[in-house]
Protein backbone atom coordinates (compact mmCIF):
# COMPACT_ATOMS: atom_id res chain seq x y z
CA MET A 1 41.38 -74.32 -82.03
CA ALA A 2 44.69 -73.31 -80.45
CA MET A 3 47.29 -75.99 -79.75
CA LEU A 4 49.24 -75.77 -76.49
CA LYS A 5 52.09 -77.84 -75.16
CA LEU A 6 51.88 -78.63 -71.45
CA THR A 7 54.81 -79.82 -69.36
CA ARG A 8 54.24 -81.68 -66.12
CA ARG A 9 55.58 -79.76 -63.10
CA GLU A 10 57.76 -81.78 -60.76
CA LYS A 11 58.42 -78.97 -58.28
CA LEU A 12 55.54 -77.11 -56.65
CA GLY A 13 55.26 -74.10 -54.37
CA THR A 14 55.72 -70.34 -54.60
CA ARG A 15 59.45 -70.36 -55.32
CA ALA A 16 59.12 -72.94 -58.08
CA ALA A 17 56.27 -70.93 -59.63
CA ARG A 18 58.38 -67.77 -59.60
CA ARG A 19 61.23 -69.56 -61.35
CA LEU A 20 58.83 -70.80 -64.02
CA ARG A 21 57.48 -67.30 -64.65
CA ALA A 22 61.03 -65.95 -64.90
CA GLN A 23 61.59 -68.49 -67.70
CA GLY A 24 58.51 -67.31 -69.63
CA MET A 25 56.28 -70.15 -68.43
CA VAL A 26 52.94 -70.06 -66.58
CA PRO A 27 51.97 -72.53 -63.83
CA ALA A 28 48.72 -74.33 -64.60
CA ILE A 29 46.54 -77.14 -63.30
CA VAL A 30 44.69 -79.75 -65.36
CA TYR A 31 41.59 -81.46 -63.93
CA GLY A 32 38.21 -82.95 -64.79
CA HIS A 33 36.41 -86.11 -65.92
CA GLY A 34 37.24 -87.90 -62.69
CA GLN A 35 40.94 -88.01 -63.44
CA PRO A 36 43.65 -86.85 -61.02
CA ASN A 37 44.69 -83.20 -61.01
CA VAL A 38 47.94 -82.68 -62.90
CA PRO A 39 50.17 -79.64 -62.20
CA VAL A 40 51.66 -78.44 -65.48
CA SER A 41 53.26 -75.39 -67.07
CA VAL A 42 52.51 -73.69 -70.38
CA ASN A 43 54.36 -71.15 -72.49
CA ARG A 44 53.20 -67.68 -71.44
CA HIS A 45 53.17 -66.27 -74.96
CA ASP A 46 51.06 -69.17 -76.25
CA ILE A 47 48.42 -69.03 -73.50
CA GLU A 48 48.20 -65.22 -73.57
CA LEU A 49 47.75 -65.30 -77.35
CA ALA A 50 44.95 -67.86 -77.03
CA VAL A 51 43.16 -65.78 -74.38
CA GLN A 52 43.56 -62.54 -76.35
CA HIS A 53 41.98 -64.20 -79.39
CA GLY A 54 39.00 -65.26 -77.30
CA GLU A 55 39.85 -68.95 -77.41
CA ARG A 56 37.92 -70.93 -74.79
CA LEU A 57 38.46 -74.41 -76.19
CA VAL A 58 42.05 -75.51 -76.76
CA LYS A 59 43.88 -78.69 -77.64
CA ALA A 60 46.90 -79.55 -75.52
CA GLU A 61 49.44 -82.32 -75.25
CA VAL A 62 50.06 -83.81 -71.81
CA ASP A 63 52.66 -86.56 -71.42
CA GLY A 64 52.55 -87.16 -75.16
CA GLN A 65 48.76 -87.51 -75.29
CA GLU A 66 46.48 -84.91 -76.92
CA GLU A 67 43.35 -83.83 -75.05
CA ASN A 68 40.75 -81.07 -75.34
CA PHE A 69 40.48 -78.49 -72.58
CA LEU A 70 38.44 -75.47 -71.59
CA ILE A 71 40.34 -72.45 -70.31
CA LYS A 72 38.37 -72.26 -67.09
CA ASP A 73 40.06 -69.70 -64.88
CA VAL A 74 42.79 -67.17 -65.65
CA GLN A 75 44.71 -65.18 -63.02
CA TYR A 76 46.70 -62.04 -63.89
CA ASP A 77 49.46 -60.12 -62.14
CA TYR A 78 48.51 -57.08 -60.05
CA LEU A 79 48.87 -54.81 -63.10
CA GLY A 80 46.61 -57.04 -65.18
CA HIS A 81 49.24 -57.38 -67.91
CA HIS A 82 50.45 -60.97 -67.73
CA ILE A 83 48.86 -64.31 -66.87
CA VAL A 84 50.32 -65.85 -63.71
CA HIS A 85 48.16 -68.99 -63.43
CA VAL A 86 45.53 -70.83 -65.46
CA ASP A 87 43.08 -73.68 -64.84
CA LEU A 88 42.35 -76.12 -67.66
CA THR A 89 39.46 -78.56 -67.42
CA ARG A 90 39.18 -81.67 -69.58
CA VAL A 91 36.26 -81.66 -72.00
CA ARG A 92 34.79 -83.82 -74.77
CA LEU A 93 33.80 -82.02 -77.93
CA HIS A 94 30.25 -83.43 -77.95
CA GLU A 95 29.41 -82.55 -74.34
CA ARG A 96 27.54 -79.48 -73.11
CA VAL A 97 29.47 -77.17 -70.83
CA HIS A 98 28.76 -74.19 -68.57
CA VAL A 99 30.67 -71.04 -69.48
CA THR A 100 30.52 -67.34 -68.65
CA VAL A 101 29.99 -65.17 -71.73
CA PRO A 102 30.53 -61.37 -71.86
CA ILE A 103 27.58 -59.13 -72.80
CA VAL A 104 28.36 -56.27 -75.21
CA LEU A 105 25.79 -53.51 -75.78
CA ARG A 106 25.66 -52.25 -79.38
CA GLY A 107 24.45 -48.84 -80.52
CA THR A 108 23.11 -45.72 -78.80
CA PRO A 109 19.54 -45.84 -77.44
CA VAL A 110 16.99 -43.36 -78.79
CA GLY A 111 16.29 -42.60 -75.14
CA VAL A 112 19.83 -41.23 -74.86
CA ASP A 113 19.97 -39.41 -78.21
CA ALA A 114 16.54 -37.78 -78.14
CA GLU A 115 15.20 -38.02 -74.60
CA ASP A 116 18.16 -36.98 -72.41
CA GLY A 117 18.32 -40.41 -70.83
CA VAL A 118 21.30 -42.34 -69.50
CA LEU A 119 22.11 -45.93 -70.48
CA THR A 120 23.19 -48.19 -67.60
CA GLN A 121 24.52 -51.72 -68.08
CA HIS A 122 23.62 -53.81 -65.03
CA LEU A 123 24.93 -57.19 -66.23
CA ASP A 124 28.35 -57.51 -67.89
CA GLU A 125 28.38 -61.29 -68.36
CA VAL A 126 26.02 -64.24 -68.11
CA GLU A 127 26.43 -67.97 -67.54
CA CYS A 128 25.41 -70.09 -70.50
CA GLU A 129 25.17 -73.76 -71.42
CA CYS A 130 26.23 -74.94 -74.86
CA LEU A 131 28.31 -77.49 -76.73
CA ALA A 132 32.03 -77.19 -76.13
CA THR A 133 32.51 -76.48 -79.84
CA GLU A 134 29.87 -73.71 -79.93
CA ILE A 135 30.94 -71.35 -77.14
CA PRO A 136 30.10 -67.77 -78.19
CA GLU A 137 32.90 -65.24 -77.81
CA GLU A 138 30.36 -62.65 -76.63
CA LEU A 139 26.65 -61.84 -76.73
CA ARG A 140 26.06 -58.68 -78.78
CA VAL A 141 22.90 -56.90 -77.68
CA PRO A 142 21.41 -54.05 -79.79
CA VAL A 143 20.01 -51.26 -77.60
CA THR A 144 19.19 -48.57 -80.18
CA GLU A 145 15.41 -48.98 -79.71
CA LEU A 146 15.44 -48.43 -75.96
CA HIS A 147 13.51 -45.37 -74.75
CA VAL A 148 13.59 -43.72 -71.34
CA ASP A 149 12.21 -46.11 -68.69
CA ASP A 150 12.76 -49.12 -70.97
CA VAL A 151 14.42 -52.17 -69.41
CA LEU A 152 16.26 -54.97 -71.19
CA ARG A 153 16.14 -58.31 -69.38
CA VAL A 154 17.88 -61.65 -69.80
CA SER A 155 14.70 -63.01 -71.39
CA ASP A 156 15.12 -60.41 -74.17
CA LEU A 157 18.56 -61.65 -75.25
CA GLU A 158 18.82 -63.16 -78.72
CA LEU A 159 20.95 -66.28 -78.35
CA PRO A 160 22.88 -68.29 -80.92
CA GLN A 161 21.35 -71.64 -81.80
CA GLY A 162 22.12 -74.28 -79.19
CA VAL A 163 23.00 -71.77 -76.46
CA ARG A 164 20.91 -71.59 -73.28
CA VAL A 165 21.20 -68.91 -70.61
CA LEU A 166 21.24 -70.18 -67.02
CA ALA A 167 20.52 -66.84 -65.32
CA ASP A 168 17.10 -65.73 -64.05
CA PRO A 169 15.10 -64.50 -67.09
CA GLU A 170 13.96 -61.44 -65.12
CA THR A 171 17.51 -60.25 -64.39
CA VAL A 172 18.01 -56.72 -65.76
CA VAL A 173 20.76 -56.41 -68.37
CA ALA A 174 20.43 -52.71 -69.21
CA SER A 175 18.08 -49.77 -68.71
CA VAL A 176 17.61 -46.18 -69.84
CA THR A 177 16.64 -43.67 -67.17
CA VAL A 178 16.59 -39.92 -66.58
CA LEU A 179 18.78 -38.68 -63.77
CA ALA A 180 16.58 -37.28 -61.00
CA GLU A 181 17.14 -33.57 -60.34
CA GLU A 182 17.63 -32.53 -56.74
CA GLU A 183 14.57 -30.75 -55.42
CA GLU A 184 15.43 -27.21 -54.32
CA LEU A 185 13.78 -25.72 -51.26
CA PRO A 186 12.27 -22.22 -51.53
CA ALA A 187 14.83 -19.58 -50.55
CA ALA A 188 12.77 -18.38 -47.59
CA GLU A 189 12.39 -21.93 -46.25
CA ALA A 190 16.01 -22.88 -46.91
CA GLU A 191 17.38 -19.78 -45.18
CA ALA A 192 14.87 -19.56 -42.31
CA PRO A 193 16.82 -19.08 -39.05
CA ALA A 194 16.20 -21.35 -36.12
CA GLU A 195 13.67 -19.92 -33.66
CA PRO A 196 15.55 -18.44 -30.68
CA GLU A 197 14.96 -19.93 -27.27
CA VAL A 198 13.19 -17.59 -24.84
CA ILE A 199 15.03 -17.87 -21.52
CA GLY A 200 12.15 -16.53 -19.46
CA GLU A 201 9.73 -19.05 -20.88
CA LYS A 202 12.16 -21.90 -20.25
CA LYS A 203 12.61 -20.84 -16.59
CA GLN A 204 8.85 -20.59 -16.07
CA GLN A 205 8.39 -24.06 -17.59
CA GLU A 206 11.05 -25.54 -15.27
CA GLU A 207 9.37 -23.98 -12.18
CA THR A 208 5.98 -25.39 -13.23
CA GLU A 209 7.46 -28.88 -13.58
CA GLU A 210 9.08 -28.61 -10.11
CA GLU A 211 5.73 -27.63 -8.54
CA ARG A 212 4.02 -30.65 -10.13
CA SER A 213 6.65 -33.04 -8.83
CA SER A 214 6.57 -31.66 -5.26
């Protein structure tokens, strides 16, 4: 479990946040367990290292007191390179928590290798419930046995012990399909010219309609 040092922020607002980032710090907020929200800052290198290593549960010191936190929400700059803000929620090690876990497909389906199919991943992550100390880094899903027209659903996921998925069991995770070919019209039908309008017939039709209305 990563150890972070949090410093209470005395000055708030956009300008203060920019000054913190210029000093290599990241603005953060601490909340949860019915306690007041506490605006803090954390060393950017430390928090980015924890996130890169897949850490979800961290230990941090606030005002000299150590607590356990979940990294709940991470915001990046517009380039996606650096963290600009992070939410930390208080957690007890023995409590069950709700977390979003990435889904990673493993292998190449037989429906792609031998049947000219295309693998499509419909669900990239799923919400799970588990103990704070047993949060999976990702759910690895083997797809090598999928044939064309096969569908993998949430109910098919193999979960680590103690982990429960909160999504609808019928939600599609991945499927293998064949791309539909565009139906070509026969050349004669595709190139058939529009039937020309006969002026004489149109004039006769207009005269007939005038006689009926008179």
